[in-house]
PDB file of N, CA and C in Angstrom:
ATOM      1  N   MET A   1       0.357  65.008 -25.140  1.00  0.00           N
ATOM      2  CA  MET A   1      -0.360  63.828 -25.594  1.00  0.00           C
ATOM      3  C   MET A   1      -1.597  63.654 -24.727  1.00  0.00           C
ATOM      4  N   LEU A   2      -2.695  63.353 -25.349  1.00  0.00           N
ATOM      5  CA  LEU A   2      -3.940  63.118 -24.645  1.00  0.00           C
ATOM      6  C   LEU A   2      -4.489  61.767 -25.065  1.00  0.00           C
ATOM      7  N   TRP A   3      -4.818  60.938 -24.092  1.00  0.00           N
ATOM      8  CA  TRP A   3      -5.501  59.678 -24.371  1.00  0.00           C
ATOM      9  C   TRP A   3      -6.988  59.924 -24.218  1.00  0.00           C
ATOM     10  N   VAL A   4      -7.766  59.413 -25.162  1.00  0.00           N
ATOM     11  CA  VAL A   4      -9.213  59.561 -25.140  1.00  0.00           C
ATOM     12  C   VAL A   4      -9.824  58.175 -25.246  1.00  0.00           C
ATOM     13  N   ARG A   5     -10.847  57.942 -24.442  1.00  0.00           N
ATOM     14  CA  ARG A   5     -11.515  56.640 -24.470  1.00  0.00           C
ATOM     15  C   ARG A   5     -12.134  56.417 -25.852  1.00  0.00           C
ATOM     16  N   GLU A   6     -11.957  55.235 -26.405  1.00  0.00           N
ATOM     17  CA  GLU A   6     -12.412  54.938 -27.769  1.00  0.00           C
ATOM     18  C   GLU A   6     -13.906  55.118 -27.962  1.00  0.00           C
ATOM     19  N   ASP A   7     -14.712  54.776 -26.959  1.00  0.00           N
ATOM     20  CA  ASP A   7     -16.166  54.857 -27.124  1.00  0.00           C
ATOM     21  C   ASP A   7     -16.782  56.123 -26.526  1.00  0.00           C
ATOM     22  N   ASP A   8     -15.958  57.038 -25.986  1.00  0.00           N
ATOM     23  CA  ASP A   8     -16.481  58.278 -25.409  1.00  0.00           C
ATOM     24  C   ASP A   8     -15.378  59.325 -25.375  1.00  0.00           C
ATOM     25  N   GLY A   9     -15.442  60.275 -26.285  1.00  0.00           N
ATOM     26  CA  GLY A   9     -14.426  61.311 -26.402  1.00  0.00           C
ATOM     27  C   GLY A   9     -14.362  62.274 -25.232  1.00  0.00           C
ATOM     28  N   ASN A  10     -15.340  62.204 -24.327  1.00  0.00           N
ATOM     29  CA  ASN A  10     -15.332  63.067 -23.149  1.00  0.00           C
ATOM     30  C   ASN A  10     -14.547  62.470 -21.988  1.00  0.00           C
ATOM     31  N   ILE A  11     -14.099  61.234 -22.120  1.00  0.00           N
ATOM     32  CA  ILE A  11     -13.339  60.568 -21.067  1.00  0.00           C
ATOM     33  C   ILE A  11     -11.889  60.494 -21.529  1.00  0.00           C
ATOM     34  N   ALA A  12     -11.021  61.233 -20.806  1.00  0.00           N
ATOM     35  CA  ALA A  12      -9.638  61.363 -21.271  1.00  0.00           C
ATOM     36  C   ALA A  12      -8.678  61.502 -20.104  1.00  0.00           C
ATOM     37  N   ILE A  13      -7.399  61.383 -20.435  1.00  0.00           N
ATOM     38  CA  ILE A  13      -6.317  61.634 -19.472  1.00  0.00           C
ATOM     39  C   ILE A  13      -5.056  61.980 -20.265  1.00  0.00           C
ATOM     40  N   SER A  14      -4.205  62.763 -19.651  1.00  0.00           N
ATOM     41  CA  SER A  14      -2.929  63.117 -20.259  1.00  0.00           C
ATOM     42  C   SER A  14      -1.824  62.385 -19.501  1.00  0.00           C
ATOM     43  N   PRO A  15      -1.336  61.280 -20.062  1.00  0.00           N
ATOM     44  CA  PRO A  15      -0.315  60.499 -19.353  1.00  0.00           C
ATOM     45  C   PRO A  15       1.028  61.236 -19.316  1.00  0.00           C
ATOM     46  N   ASP A  16       1.753  61.033 -18.223  1.00  0.00           N
ATOM     47  CA  ASP A  16       3.107  61.588 -18.156  1.00  0.00           C
ATOM     48  C   ASP A  16       4.029  60.842 -19.110  1.00  0.00           C
ATOM     49  N   GLY A  17       3.758  59.568 -19.311  1.00  0.00           N
ATOM     50  CA  GLY A  17       4.534  58.751 -20.230  1.00  0.00           C
ATOM     51  C   GLY A  17       3.820  57.450 -20.482  1.00  0.00           C
ATOM     52  N   PHE A  18       4.209  56.780 -21.545  1.00  0.00           N
ATOM     53  CA  PHE A  18       3.600  55.481 -21.842  1.00  0.00           C
ATOM     54  C   PHE A  18       4.560  54.632 -22.637  1.00  0.00           C
ATOM     55  N   ILE A  19       4.345  53.327 -22.540  1.00  0.00           N
ATOM     56  CA  ILE A  19       5.146  52.341 -23.255  1.00  0.00           C
ATOM     57  C   ILE A  19       4.144  51.529 -24.058  1.00  0.00           C
ATOM     58  N   GLY A  20       3.944  51.908 -25.291  1.00  0.00           N
ATOM     59  CA  GLY A  20       2.909  51.273 -26.093  1.00  0.00           C
ATOM     60  C   GLY A  20       1.538  51.580 -25.515  1.00  0.00           C
ATOM     61  N   LYS A  21       0.613  50.652 -25.705  1.00  0.00           N
ATOM     62  CA  LYS A  21      -0.746  50.850 -25.193  1.00  0.00           C
ATOM     63  C   LYS A  21      -1.006  50.098 -23.903  1.00  0.00           C
ATOM     64  N   THR A  22      -0.040  49.281 -23.466  1.00  0.00           N
ATOM     65  CA  THR A  22      -0.300  48.429 -22.305  1.00  0.00           C
ATOM     66  C   THR A  22       0.391  48.881 -21.024  1.00  0.00           C
ATOM     67  N   GLU A  23       1.280  49.879 -21.106  1.00  0.00           N
ATOM     68  CA  GLU A  23       1.975  50.366 -19.921  1.00  0.00           C
ATOM     69  C   GLU A  23       2.031  51.887 -19.954  1.00  0.00           C
ATOM     70  N   ALA A  24       1.854  52.508 -18.776  1.00  0.00           N
ATOM     71  CA  ALA A  24       1.917  53.964 -18.670  1.00  0.00           C
ATOM     72  C   ALA A  24       2.674  54.356 -17.414  1.00  0.00           C
ATOM     73  N   VAL A  25       3.035  55.644 -17.372  1.00  0.00           N
ATOM     74  CA  VAL A  25       3.830  56.185 -16.272  1.00  0.00           C
ATOM     75  C   VAL A  25       3.188  57.479 -15.777  1.00  0.00           C
ATOM     76  N   GLU A  26       3.038  57.587 -14.471  1.00  0.00           N
ATOM     77  CA  GLU A  26       2.613  58.827 -13.825  1.00  0.00           C
ATOM     78  C   GLU A  26       3.694  59.199 -12.825  1.00  0.00           C
ATOM     79  N   VAL A  27       4.117  60.463 -12.816  1.00  0.00           N
ATOM     80  CA  VAL A  27       5.202  60.906 -11.948  1.00  0.00           C
ATOM     81  C   VAL A  27       4.690  61.995 -11.006  1.00  0.00           C
ATOM     82  N   LYS A  28       5.031  61.852  -9.737  1.00  0.00           N
ATOM     83  CA  LYS A  28       4.667  62.853  -8.740  1.00  0.00           C
ATOM     84  C   LYS A  28       5.890  63.243  -7.935  1.00  0.00           C
ATOM     85  N   CYS A  29       6.014  64.528  -7.662  1.00  0.00           N
ATOM     86  CA  CYS A  29       7.042  65.042  -6.767  1.00  0.00           C
ATOM     87  C   CYS A  29       6.294  65.592  -5.553  1.00  0.00           C
ATOM     88  N   LEU A  30       6.191  64.778  -4.525  1.00  0.00           N
ATOM     89  CA  LEU A  30       5.402  65.116  -3.345  1.00  0.00           C
ATOM     90  C   LEU A  30       6.232  65.859  -2.312  1.00  0.00           C
ATOM     91  N   ASN A  31       5.545  66.474  -1.359  1.00  0.00           N
ATOM     92  CA  ASN A  31       6.280  67.046  -0.235  1.00  0.00           C
ATOM     93  C   ASN A  31       6.926  65.889   0.527  1.00  0.00           C
ATOM     94  N   SER A  32       7.882  66.198   1.365  1.00  0.00           N
ATOM     95  CA  SER A  32       8.671  65.154   2.026  1.00  0.00           C
ATOM     96  C   SER A  32       7.824  64.216   2.869  1.00  0.00           C
ATOM     97  N   ALA A  33       6.877  64.755   3.633  1.00  0.00           N
ATOM     98  CA  ALA A  33       6.040  63.906   4.488  1.00  0.00           C
ATOM     99  C   ALA A  33       5.218  62.927   3.649  1.00  0.00           C
ATOM    100  N   SER A  34       4.620  63.400   2.573  1.00  0.00           N
ATOM    101  CA  SER A  34       3.813  62.530   1.710  1.00  0.00           C
ATOM    102  C   SER A  34       4.684  61.505   0.991  1.00  0.00           C
ATOM    103  N   HIS A  35       5.882  61.904   0.600  1.00  0.00           N
ATOM    104  CA  HIS A  35       6.822  60.990  -0.051  1.00  0.00           C
ATOM    105  C   HIS A  35       7.179  59.834   0.896  1.00  0.00           C
ATOM    106  N   ILE A  36       7.486  60.172   2.140  1.00  0.00           N
ATOM    107  CA  ILE A  36       7.828  59.154   3.136  1.00  0.00           C
ATOM    108  C   ILE A  36       6.635  58.240   3.392  1.00  0.00           C
ATOM    109  N   GLU A  37       5.450  58.826   3.535  1.00  0.00           N
ATOM    110  CA  GLU A  37       4.251  58.016   3.778  1.00  0.00           C
ATOM    111  C   GLU A  37       4.004  57.040   2.636  1.00  0.00           C
ATOM    112  N   ALA A  38       4.108  57.528   1.398  1.00  0.00           N
ATOM    113  CA  ALA A  38       3.900  56.648   0.239  1.00  0.00           C
ATOM    114  C   ALA A  38       4.952  55.533   0.215  1.00  0.00           C
ATOM    115  N   PHE A  39       6.175  55.869   0.561  1.00  0.00           N
ATOM    116  CA  PHE A  39       7.236  54.853   0.586  1.00  0.00           C
ATOM    117  C   PHE A  39       6.965  53.802   1.658  1.00  0.00           C
ATOM    118  N   LEU A  40       6.607  54.246   2.849  1.00  0.00           N
ATOM    119  CA  LEU A  40       6.387  53.313   3.953  1.00  0.00           C
ATOM    120  C   LEU A  40       5.148  52.444   3.754  1.00  0.00           C
ATOM    121  N   THR A  41       4.082  53.027   3.214  1.00  0.00           N
ATOM    122  CA  THR A  41       2.837  52.268   3.034  1.00  0.00           C
ATOM    123  C   THR A  41       2.803  51.511   1.718  1.00  0.00           C
ATOM    124  N   GLN A  42       3.643  51.946   0.767  1.00  0.00           N
ATOM    125  CA  GLN A  42       3.636  51.374  -0.591  1.00  0.00           C
ATOM    126  C   GLN A  42       2.241  51.474  -1.206  1.00  0.00           C
ATOM    127  N   LYS A  43       1.589  52.613  -0.956  1.00  0.00           N
ATOM    128  CA  LYS A  43       0.260  52.882  -1.496  1.00  0.00           C
ATOM    129  C   LYS A  43       0.240  54.247  -2.163  1.00  0.00           C
ATOM    130  N   THR A  44      -0.607  54.358  -3.166  1.00  0.00           N
ATOM    131  CA  THR A  44      -0.829  55.644  -3.803  1.00  0.00           C
ATOM    132  C   THR A  44      -1.532  56.567  -2.815  1.00  0.00           C
ATOM    133  N   PRO A  45      -1.076  57.802  -2.666  1.00  0.00           N
ATOM    134  CA  PRO A  45      -1.789  58.729  -1.789  1.00  0.00           C
ATOM    135  C   PRO A  45      -3.261  58.870  -2.205  1.00  0.00           C
ATOM    136  N   LYS A  46      -4.119  58.993  -1.224  1.00  0.00           N
ATOM    137  CA  LYS A  46      -5.555  59.018  -1.460  1.00  0.00           C
ATOM    138  C   LYS A  46      -5.964  60.036  -2.523  1.00  0.00           C
ATOM    139  N   GLU A  47      -5.322  61.201  -2.522  1.00  0.00           N
ATOM    140  CA  GLU A  47      -5.718  62.251  -3.470  1.00  0.00           C
ATOM    141  C   GLU A  47      -5.415  61.896  -4.933  1.00  0.00           C
ATOM    142  N   TYR A  48      -4.673  60.806  -5.168  1.00  0.00           N
ATOM    143  CA  TYR A  48      -4.356  60.388  -6.535  1.00  0.00           C
ATOM    144  C   TYR A  48      -5.037  59.078  -6.947  1.00  0.00           C
ATOM    145  N   GLU A  49      -5.851  58.510  -6.079  1.00  0.00           N
ATOM    146  CA  GLU A  49      -6.505  57.233  -6.398  1.00  0.00           C
ATOM    147  C   GLU A  49      -7.386  57.327  -7.641  1.00  0.00           C
ATOM    148  N   HIS A  50      -8.140  58.424  -7.776  1.00  0.00           N
ATOM    149  CA  HIS A  50      -9.000  58.565  -8.955  1.00  0.00           C
ATOM    150  C   HIS A  50      -8.169  58.740 -10.233  1.00  0.00           C
ATOM    151  N   GLN A  51      -7.039  59.403 -10.119  1.00  0.00           N
ATOM    152  CA  GLN A  51      -6.167  59.564 -11.279  1.00  0.00           C
ATOM    153  C   GLN A  51      -5.640  58.212 -11.744  1.00  0.00           C
ATOM    154  N   VAL A  52      -5.277  57.360 -10.801  1.00  0.00           N
ATOM    155  CA  VAL A  52      -4.829  56.001 -11.147  1.00  0.00           C
ATOM    156  C   VAL A  52      -5.935  55.281 -11.902  1.00  0.00           C
ATOM    157  N   LEU A  53      -7.146  55.311 -11.363  1.00  0.00           N
ATOM    158  CA  LEU A  53      -8.267  54.631 -12.030  1.00  0.00           C
ATOM    159  C   LEU A  53      -8.520  55.207 -13.418  1.00  0.00           C
ATOM    160  N   GLN A  54      -8.370  56.524 -13.556  1.00  0.00           N
ATOM    161  CA  GLN A  54      -8.657  57.168 -14.841  1.00  0.00           C
ATOM    162  C   GLN A  54      -7.770  56.626 -15.962  1.00  0.00           C
ATOM    163  N   TYR A  55      -6.524  56.326 -15.658  1.00  0.00           N
ATOM    164  CA  TYR A  55      -5.655  55.729 -16.676  1.00  0.00           C
ATOM    165  C   TYR A  55      -6.293  54.467 -17.254  1.00  0.00           C
ATOM    166  N   PHE A  56      -6.780  53.612 -16.378  1.00  0.00           N
ATOM    167  CA  PHE A  56      -7.353  52.338 -16.800  1.00  0.00           C
ATOM    168  C   PHE A  56      -8.745  52.511 -17.404  1.00  0.00           C
ATOM    169  N   ILE A  57      -9.482  53.519 -16.935  1.00  0.00           N
ATOM    170  CA  ILE A  57     -10.803  53.806 -17.487  1.00  0.00           C
ATOM    171  C   ILE A  57     -10.670  54.274 -18.934  1.00  0.00           C
ATOM    172  N   VAL A  58      -9.713  55.116 -19.190  1.00  0.00           N
ATOM    173  CA  VAL A  58      -9.531  55.676 -20.531  1.00  0.00           C
ATOM    174  C   VAL A  58      -8.994  54.634 -21.509  1.00  0.00           C
ATOM    175  N   ASN A  59      -8.031  53.848 -21.073  1.00  0.00           N
ATOM    176  CA  ASN A  59      -7.353  52.902 -21.969  1.00  0.00           C
ATOM    177  C   ASN A  59      -7.669  51.466 -21.546  1.00  0.00           C
ATOM    178  N   ASP A  60      -8.591  50.840 -22.247  1.00  0.00           N
ATOM    179  CA  ASP A  60      -8.972  49.457 -21.942  1.00  0.00           C
ATOM    180  C   ASP A  60      -7.834  48.465 -22.143  1.00  0.00           C
ATOM    181  N   LYS A  61      -6.820  48.843 -22.915  1.00  0.00           N
ATOM    182  CA  LYS A  61      -5.694  47.943 -23.178  1.00  0.00           C
ATOM    183  C   LYS A  61      -4.592  48.063 -22.126  1.00  0.00           C
ATOM    184  N   LEU A  62      -4.680  49.096 -21.291  1.00  0.00           N
ATOM    185  CA  LEU A  62      -3.649  49.320 -20.279  1.00  0.00           C
ATOM    186  C   LEU A  62      -3.658  48.193 -19.252  1.00  0.00           C
ATOM    187  N   LYS A  63      -2.511  47.589 -19.069  1.00  0.00           N
ATOM    188  CA  LYS A  63      -2.366  46.503 -18.090  1.00  0.00           C
ATOM    189  C   LYS A  63      -1.622  46.954 -16.843  1.00  0.00           C
ATOM    190  N   THR A  64      -0.653  47.883 -17.022  1.00  0.00           N
ATOM    191  CA  THR A  64       0.228  48.265 -15.921  1.00  0.00           C
ATOM    192  C   THR A  64       0.442  49.772 -15.899  1.00  0.00           C
ATOM    193  N   LEU A  65       0.329  50.352 -14.705  1.00  0.00           N
ATOM    194  CA  LEU A  65       0.671  51.749 -14.496  1.00  0.00           C
ATOM    195  C   LEU A  65       1.818  51.805 -13.489  1.00  0.00           C
ATOM    196  N   TYR A  66       2.891  52.490 -13.866  1.00  0.00           N
ATOM    197  CA  TYR A  66       4.021  52.709 -12.971  1.00  0.00           C
ATOM    198  C   TYR A  66       3.841  54.104 -12.371  1.00  0.00           C
ATOM    199  N   PHE A  67       3.553  54.142 -11.087  1.00  0.00           N
ATOM    200  CA  PHE A  67       3.327  55.405 -10.385  1.00  0.00           C
ATOM    201  C   PHE A  67       4.632  55.768  -9.695  1.00  0.00           C
ATOM    202  N   ILE A  68       5.311  56.762 -10.230  1.00  0.00           N
ATOM    203  CA  ILE A  68       6.666  57.110  -9.801  1.00  0.00           C
ATOM    204  C   ILE A  68       6.635  58.281  -8.827  1.00  0.00           C
ATOM    205  N   PHE A  69       7.421  58.153  -7.777  1.00  0.00           N
ATOM    206  CA  PHE A  69       7.556  59.206  -6.784  1.00  0.00           C
ATOM    207  C   PHE A  69       8.996  59.709  -6.804  1.00  0.00           C
ATOM    208  N   TYR A  70       9.150  61.035  -6.825  1.00  0.00           N
ATOM    209  CA  TYR A  70      10.485  61.633  -6.830  1.00  0.00           C
ATOM    210  C   TYR A  70      10.499  62.812  -5.863  1.00  0.00           C
ATOM    211  N   ASN A  71      11.529  62.863  -5.030  1.00  0.00           N
ATOM    212  CA  ASN A  71      11.708  63.984  -4.120  1.00  0.00           C
ATOM    213  C   ASN A  71      13.210  64.173  -3.933  1.00  0.00           C
ATOM    214  N   PRO A  72      13.781  65.215  -4.537  1.00  0.00           N
ATOM    215  CA  PRO A  72      15.232  65.402  -4.493  1.00  0.00           C
ATOM    216  C   PRO A  72      15.771  65.714  -3.097  1.00  0.00           C
ATOM    217  N   ARG A  73      14.880  66.032  -2.153  1.00  0.00           N
ATOM    218  CA  ARG A  73      15.319  66.352  -0.788  1.00  0.00           C
ATOM    219  C   ARG A  73      15.509  65.102   0.068  1.00  0.00           C
ATOM    220  N   MET A  74      15.174  63.940  -0.464  1.00  0.00           N
ATOM    221  CA  MET A  74      15.201  62.710   0.318  1.00  0.00           C
ATOM    222  C   MET A  74      16.378  61.825  -0.092  1.00  0.00           C
ATOM    223  N   GLN A  75      16.906  61.066   0.858  1.00  0.00           N
ATOM    224  CA  GLN A  75      17.966  60.117   0.529  1.00  0.00           C
ATOM    225  C   GLN A  75      17.422  59.056  -0.431  1.00  0.00           C
ATOM    226  N   LYS A  76      16.252  58.536  -0.132  1.00  0.00           N
ATOM    227  CA  LYS A  76      15.558  57.602  -1.047  1.00  0.00           C
ATOM    228  C   LYS A  76      14.665  58.487  -1.913  1.00  0.00           C
ATOM    229  N   ASP A  77      15.289  59.154  -2.909  1.00  0.00           N
ATOM    230  CA  ASP A  77      14.597  60.198  -3.662  1.00  0.00           C
ATOM    231  C   ASP A  77      13.669  59.683  -4.757  1.00  0.00           C
ATOM    232  N   PHE A  78      13.768  58.384  -5.083  1.00  0.00           N
ATOM    233  CA  PHE A  78      13.006  57.835  -6.202  1.00  0.00           C
ATOM    234  C   PHE A  78      12.536  56.434  -5.856  1.00  0.00           C
ATOM    235  N   PHE A  79      11.258  56.164  -6.091  1.00  0.00           N
ATOM    236  CA  PHE A  79      10.721  54.810  -6.028  1.00  0.00           C
ATOM    237  C   PHE A  79       9.428  54.790  -6.828  1.00  0.00           C
ATOM    238  N   TYR A  80       8.921  53.611  -7.098  1.00  0.00           N
ATOM    239  CA  TYR A  80       7.670  53.542  -7.845  1.00  0.00           C
ATOM    240  C   TYR A  80       6.829  52.365  -7.378  1.00  0.00           C
ATOM    241  N   LEU A  81       5.540  52.508  -7.645  1.00  0.00           N
ATOM    242  CA  LEU A  81       4.579  51.442  -7.387  1.00  0.00           C
ATOM    243  C   LEU A  81       4.125  50.898  -8.729  1.00  0.00           C
ATOM    244  N   THR A  82       3.956  49.609  -8.806  1.00  0.00           N
ATOM    245  CA  THR A  82       3.446  48.974 -10.014  1.00  0.00           C
ATOM    246  C   THR A  82       1.992  48.613  -9.761  1.00  0.00           C
ATOM    247  N   ILE A  83       1.111  49.205 -10.543  1.00  0.00           N
ATOM    248  CA  ILE A  83      -0.324  48.992 -10.360  1.00  0.00           C
ATOM    249  C   ILE A  83      -0.837  48.186 -11.548  1.00  0.00           C
ATOM    250  N   GLN A  84      -1.419  47.051 -11.266  1.00  0.00           N
ATOM    251  CA  GLN A  84      -1.913  46.136 -12.302  1.00  0.00           C
ATOM    252  C   GLN A  84      -3.432  46.246 -12.427  1.00  0.00           C
ATOM    253  N   ARG A  85      -3.917  46.286 -13.660  1.00  0.00           N
ATOM    254  CA  ARG A  85      -5.354  46.336 -13.917  1.00  0.00           C
ATOM    255  C   ARG A  85      -6.082  45.229 -13.175  1.00  0.00           C
ATOM    256  N   LYS A  86      -5.558  44.027 -13.236  1.00  0.00           N
ATOM    257  CA  LYS A  86      -6.243  42.872 -12.654  1.00  0.00           C
ATOM    258  C   LYS A  86      -6.501  43.052 -11.161  1.00  0.00           C
ATOM    259  N   ASP A  87      -5.684  43.852 -10.494  1.00  0.00           N
ATOM    260  CA  ASP A  87      -5.823  44.049  -9.055  1.00  0.00           C
ATOM    261  C   ASP A  87      -6.887  45.077  -8.683  1.00  0.00           C
ATOM    262  N   ILE A  88      -7.260  45.936  -9.650  1.00  0.00           N
ATOM    263  CA  ILE A  88      -8.230  46.994  -9.346  1.00  0.00           C
ATOM    264  C   ILE A  88      -9.402  47.013 -10.333  1.00  0.00           C
ATOM    265  N   GLN A  89      -9.598  45.926 -11.056  1.00  0.00           N
ATOM    266  CA  GLN A  89     -10.627  45.896 -12.100  1.00  0.00           C
ATOM    267  C   GLN A  89     -12.022  46.249 -11.572  1.00  0.00           C
ATOM    268  N   LYS A  90     -12.362  45.775 -10.395  1.00  0.00           N
ATOM    269  CA  LYS A  90     -13.681  46.073  -9.829  1.00  0.00           C
ATOM    270  C   LYS A  90     -13.874  47.589  -9.670  1.00  0.00           C
ATOM    271  N   ASP A  91     -12.863  48.276  -9.145  1.00  0.00           N
ATOM    272  CA  ASP A  91     -12.940  49.731  -8.981  1.00  0.00           C
ATOM    273  C   ASP A  91     -12.995  50.444 -10.330  1.00  0.00           C
ATOM    274  N   ILE A  92     -12.241  49.958 -11.301  1.00  0.00           N
ATOM    275  CA  ILE A  92     -12.251  50.544 -12.638  1.00  0.00           C
ATOM    276  C   ILE A  92     -13.663  50.485 -13.211  1.00  0.00           C
ATOM    277  N   ASP A  93     -14.284  49.318 -13.145  1.00  0.00           N
ATOM    278  CA  ASP A  93     -15.640  49.145 -13.681  1.00  0.00           C
ATOM    279  C   ASP A  93     -16.630  50.059 -12.970  1.00  0.00           C
ATOM    280  N   GLU A  94     -16.525  50.121 -11.663  1.00  0.00           N
ATOM    281  CA  GLU A  94     -17.445  50.944 -10.867  1.00  0.00           C
ATOM    282  C   GLU A  94     -17.309  52.425 -11.225  1.00  0.00           C
ATOM    283  N   TYR A  95     -16.079  52.910 -11.268  1.00  0.00           N
ATOM    284  CA  TYR A  95     -15.866  54.329 -11.538  1.00  0.00           C
ATOM    285  C   TYR A  95     -16.152  54.697 -12.988  1.00  0.00           C
ATOM    286  N   LEU A  96     -15.985  53.790 -13.910  1.00  0.00           N
ATOM    287  CA  LEU A  96     -16.357  54.055 -15.293  1.00  0.00           C
ATOM    288  C   LEU A  96     -17.857  54.299 -15.390  1.00  0.00           C
ATOM    289  N   GLU A  97     -18.651  53.478 -14.736  1.00  0.00           N
ATOM    290  CA  GLU A  97     -20.104  53.665 -14.755  1.00  0.00           C
ATOM    291  C   GLU A  97     -20.498  54.987 -14.102  1.00  0.00           C
ATOM    292  N   ILE A  98     -19.853  55.332 -13.004  1.00  0.00           N
ATOM    293  CA  ILE A  98     -20.131  56.612 -12.335  1.00  0.00           C
ATOM    294  C   ILE A  98     -19.780  57.772 -13.258  1.00  0.00           C
ATOM    295  N   GLU A  99     -18.626  57.688 -13.896  1.00  0.00           N
ATOM    296  CA  GLU A  99     -18.178  58.763 -14.788  1.00  0.00           C
ATOM    297  C   GLU A  99     -19.134  58.933 -15.964  1.00  0.00           C
ATOM    298  N   LYS A 100     -19.573  57.830 -16.540  1.00  0.00           N
ATOM    299  CA  LYS A 100     -20.524  57.915 -17.655  1.00  0.00           C
ATOM    300  C   LYS A 100     -21.835  58.548 -17.209  1.00  0.00           C
ATOM    301  N   GLU A 101     -22.312  58.199 -16.025  1.00  0.00           N
ATOM    302  CA  GLU A 101     -23.563  58.763 -15.507  1.00  0.00           C
ATOM    303  C   GLU A 101     -23.422  60.255 -15.242  1.00  0.00           C
ATOM    304  N   VAL A 102     -22.318  60.667 -14.656  1.00  0.00           N
ATOM    305  CA  VAL A 102     -22.086  62.090 -14.391  1.00  0.00           C
ATOM    306  C   VAL A 102     -22.015  62.867 -15.703  1.00  0.00           C
ATOM    307  N   LEU A 103     -21.324  62.327 -16.689  1.00  0.00           N
ATOM    308  CA  LEU A 103     -21.234  62.997 -17.991  1.00  0.00           C
ATOM    309  C   LEU A 103     -22.600  63.079 -18.662  1.00  0.00           C
ATOM    310  N   LYS A 104     -23.408  62.057 -18.517  1.00  0.00           N
ATOM    311  CA  LYS A 104     -24.771  62.063 -19.064  1.00  0.00           C
ATOM    312  C   LYS A 104     -25.594  63.176 -18.409  1.00  0.00           C
ATOM    313  N   GLN A 105     -25.499  63.289 -17.094  1.00  0.00           N
ATOM    314  CA  GLN A 105     -26.220  64.340 -16.371  1.00  0.00           C
ATOM    315  C   GLN A 105     -25.722  65.722 -16.783  1.00  0.00           C
ATOM    316  N   PHE A 106     -24.414  65.855 -16.939  1.00  0.00           N
ATOM    317  CA  PHE A 106     -23.844  67.126 -17.356  1.00  0.00           C
ATOM    318  C   PHE A 106     -24.365  67.523 -18.736  1.00  0.00           C
ATOM    319  N   THR A 107     -24.421  66.566 -19.639  1.00  0.00           N
ATOM    320  CA  THR A 107     -24.919  66.829 -20.988  1.00  0.00           C
ATOM    321  C   THR A 107     -26.364  67.321 -20.944  1.00  0.00           C
ATOM    322  N   GLU A 108     -27.187  66.722 -20.100  1.00  0.00           N
ATOM    323  CA  GLU A 108     -28.580  67.149 -19.957  1.00  0.00           C
ATOM    324  C   GLU A 108     -28.662  68.580 -19.427  1.00  0.00           C
ATOM    325  N   ILE A 109     -27.845  68.904 -18.454  1.00  0.00           N
ATOM    326  CA  ILE A 109     -27.829  70.267 -17.906  1.00  0.00           C
ATOM    327  C   ILE A 109     -27.341  71.247 -18.965  1.00  0.00           C
ATOM    328  N   GLU A 110     -26.297  70.859 -19.678  1.00  0.00           N
ATOM    329  CA  GLU A 110     -25.729  71.716 -20.720  1.00  0.00           C
ATOM    330  C   GLU A 110     -26.765  72.046 -21.788  1.00  0.00           C
ATOM    331  N   LYS A 111     -27.586  71.091 -22.154  1.00  0.00           N
ATOM    332  CA  LYS A 111     -28.631  71.304 -23.173  1.00  0.00           C
ATOM    333  C   LYS A 111     -29.615  72.393 -22.753  1.00  0.00           C
ATOM    334  N   GLN A 112     -29.830  72.538 -21.459  1.00  0.00           N
ATOM    335  CA  GLN A 112     -30.747  73.552 -20.956  1.00  0.00           C
ATOM    336  C   GLN A 112     -30.216  74.976 -21.126  1.00  0.00           C
ATOM    337  N   PHE A 113     -28.896  75.104 -21.242  1.00  0.00           N
ATOM    338  CA  PHE A 113     -28.286  76.427 -21.303  1.00  0.00           C
ATOM    339  C   PHE A 113     -27.659  76.765 -22.642  1.00  0.00           C
ATOM    340  N   THR A 114     -27.762  75.876 -23.609  1.00  0.00           N
ATOM    341  CA  THR A 114     -27.189  76.140 -24.926  1.00  0.00           C
ATOM    342  C   THR A 114     -28.272  76.072 -25.988  1.00  0.00           C
ATOM    343  N   PHE A 115     -27.967  76.622 -27.129  1.00  0.00           N
ATOM    344  CA  PHE A 115     -28.932  76.639 -28.241  1.00  0.00           C
ATOM    345  C   PHE A 115     -28.629  75.536 -29.216  1.00  0.00           C
TER     346      PHE A 115
END
């Protein structure tokens, strides 16, 4: 399944799961150290922050993303973070504008090399 932004077919994401249009699920199986860090800090690892934003950038109706962590080697092998649009709306807006600008620049470059 691929979600595509309604007003721009070049902006997309492939959700791990979704519940209607307002809730989605992303699942990660991290190494043990990263799993423990995410559990202790209750924060999405830095390398996945843009992926979190992309869910909300692609789907304007998305209100909640459940970011699930699983590691079968750990006693606390499963937990999740609940990420609400309202809490990160400023970042969503900022990164959407950046993404649109980058895609615009890419399109201009592409035109130079295609017929």
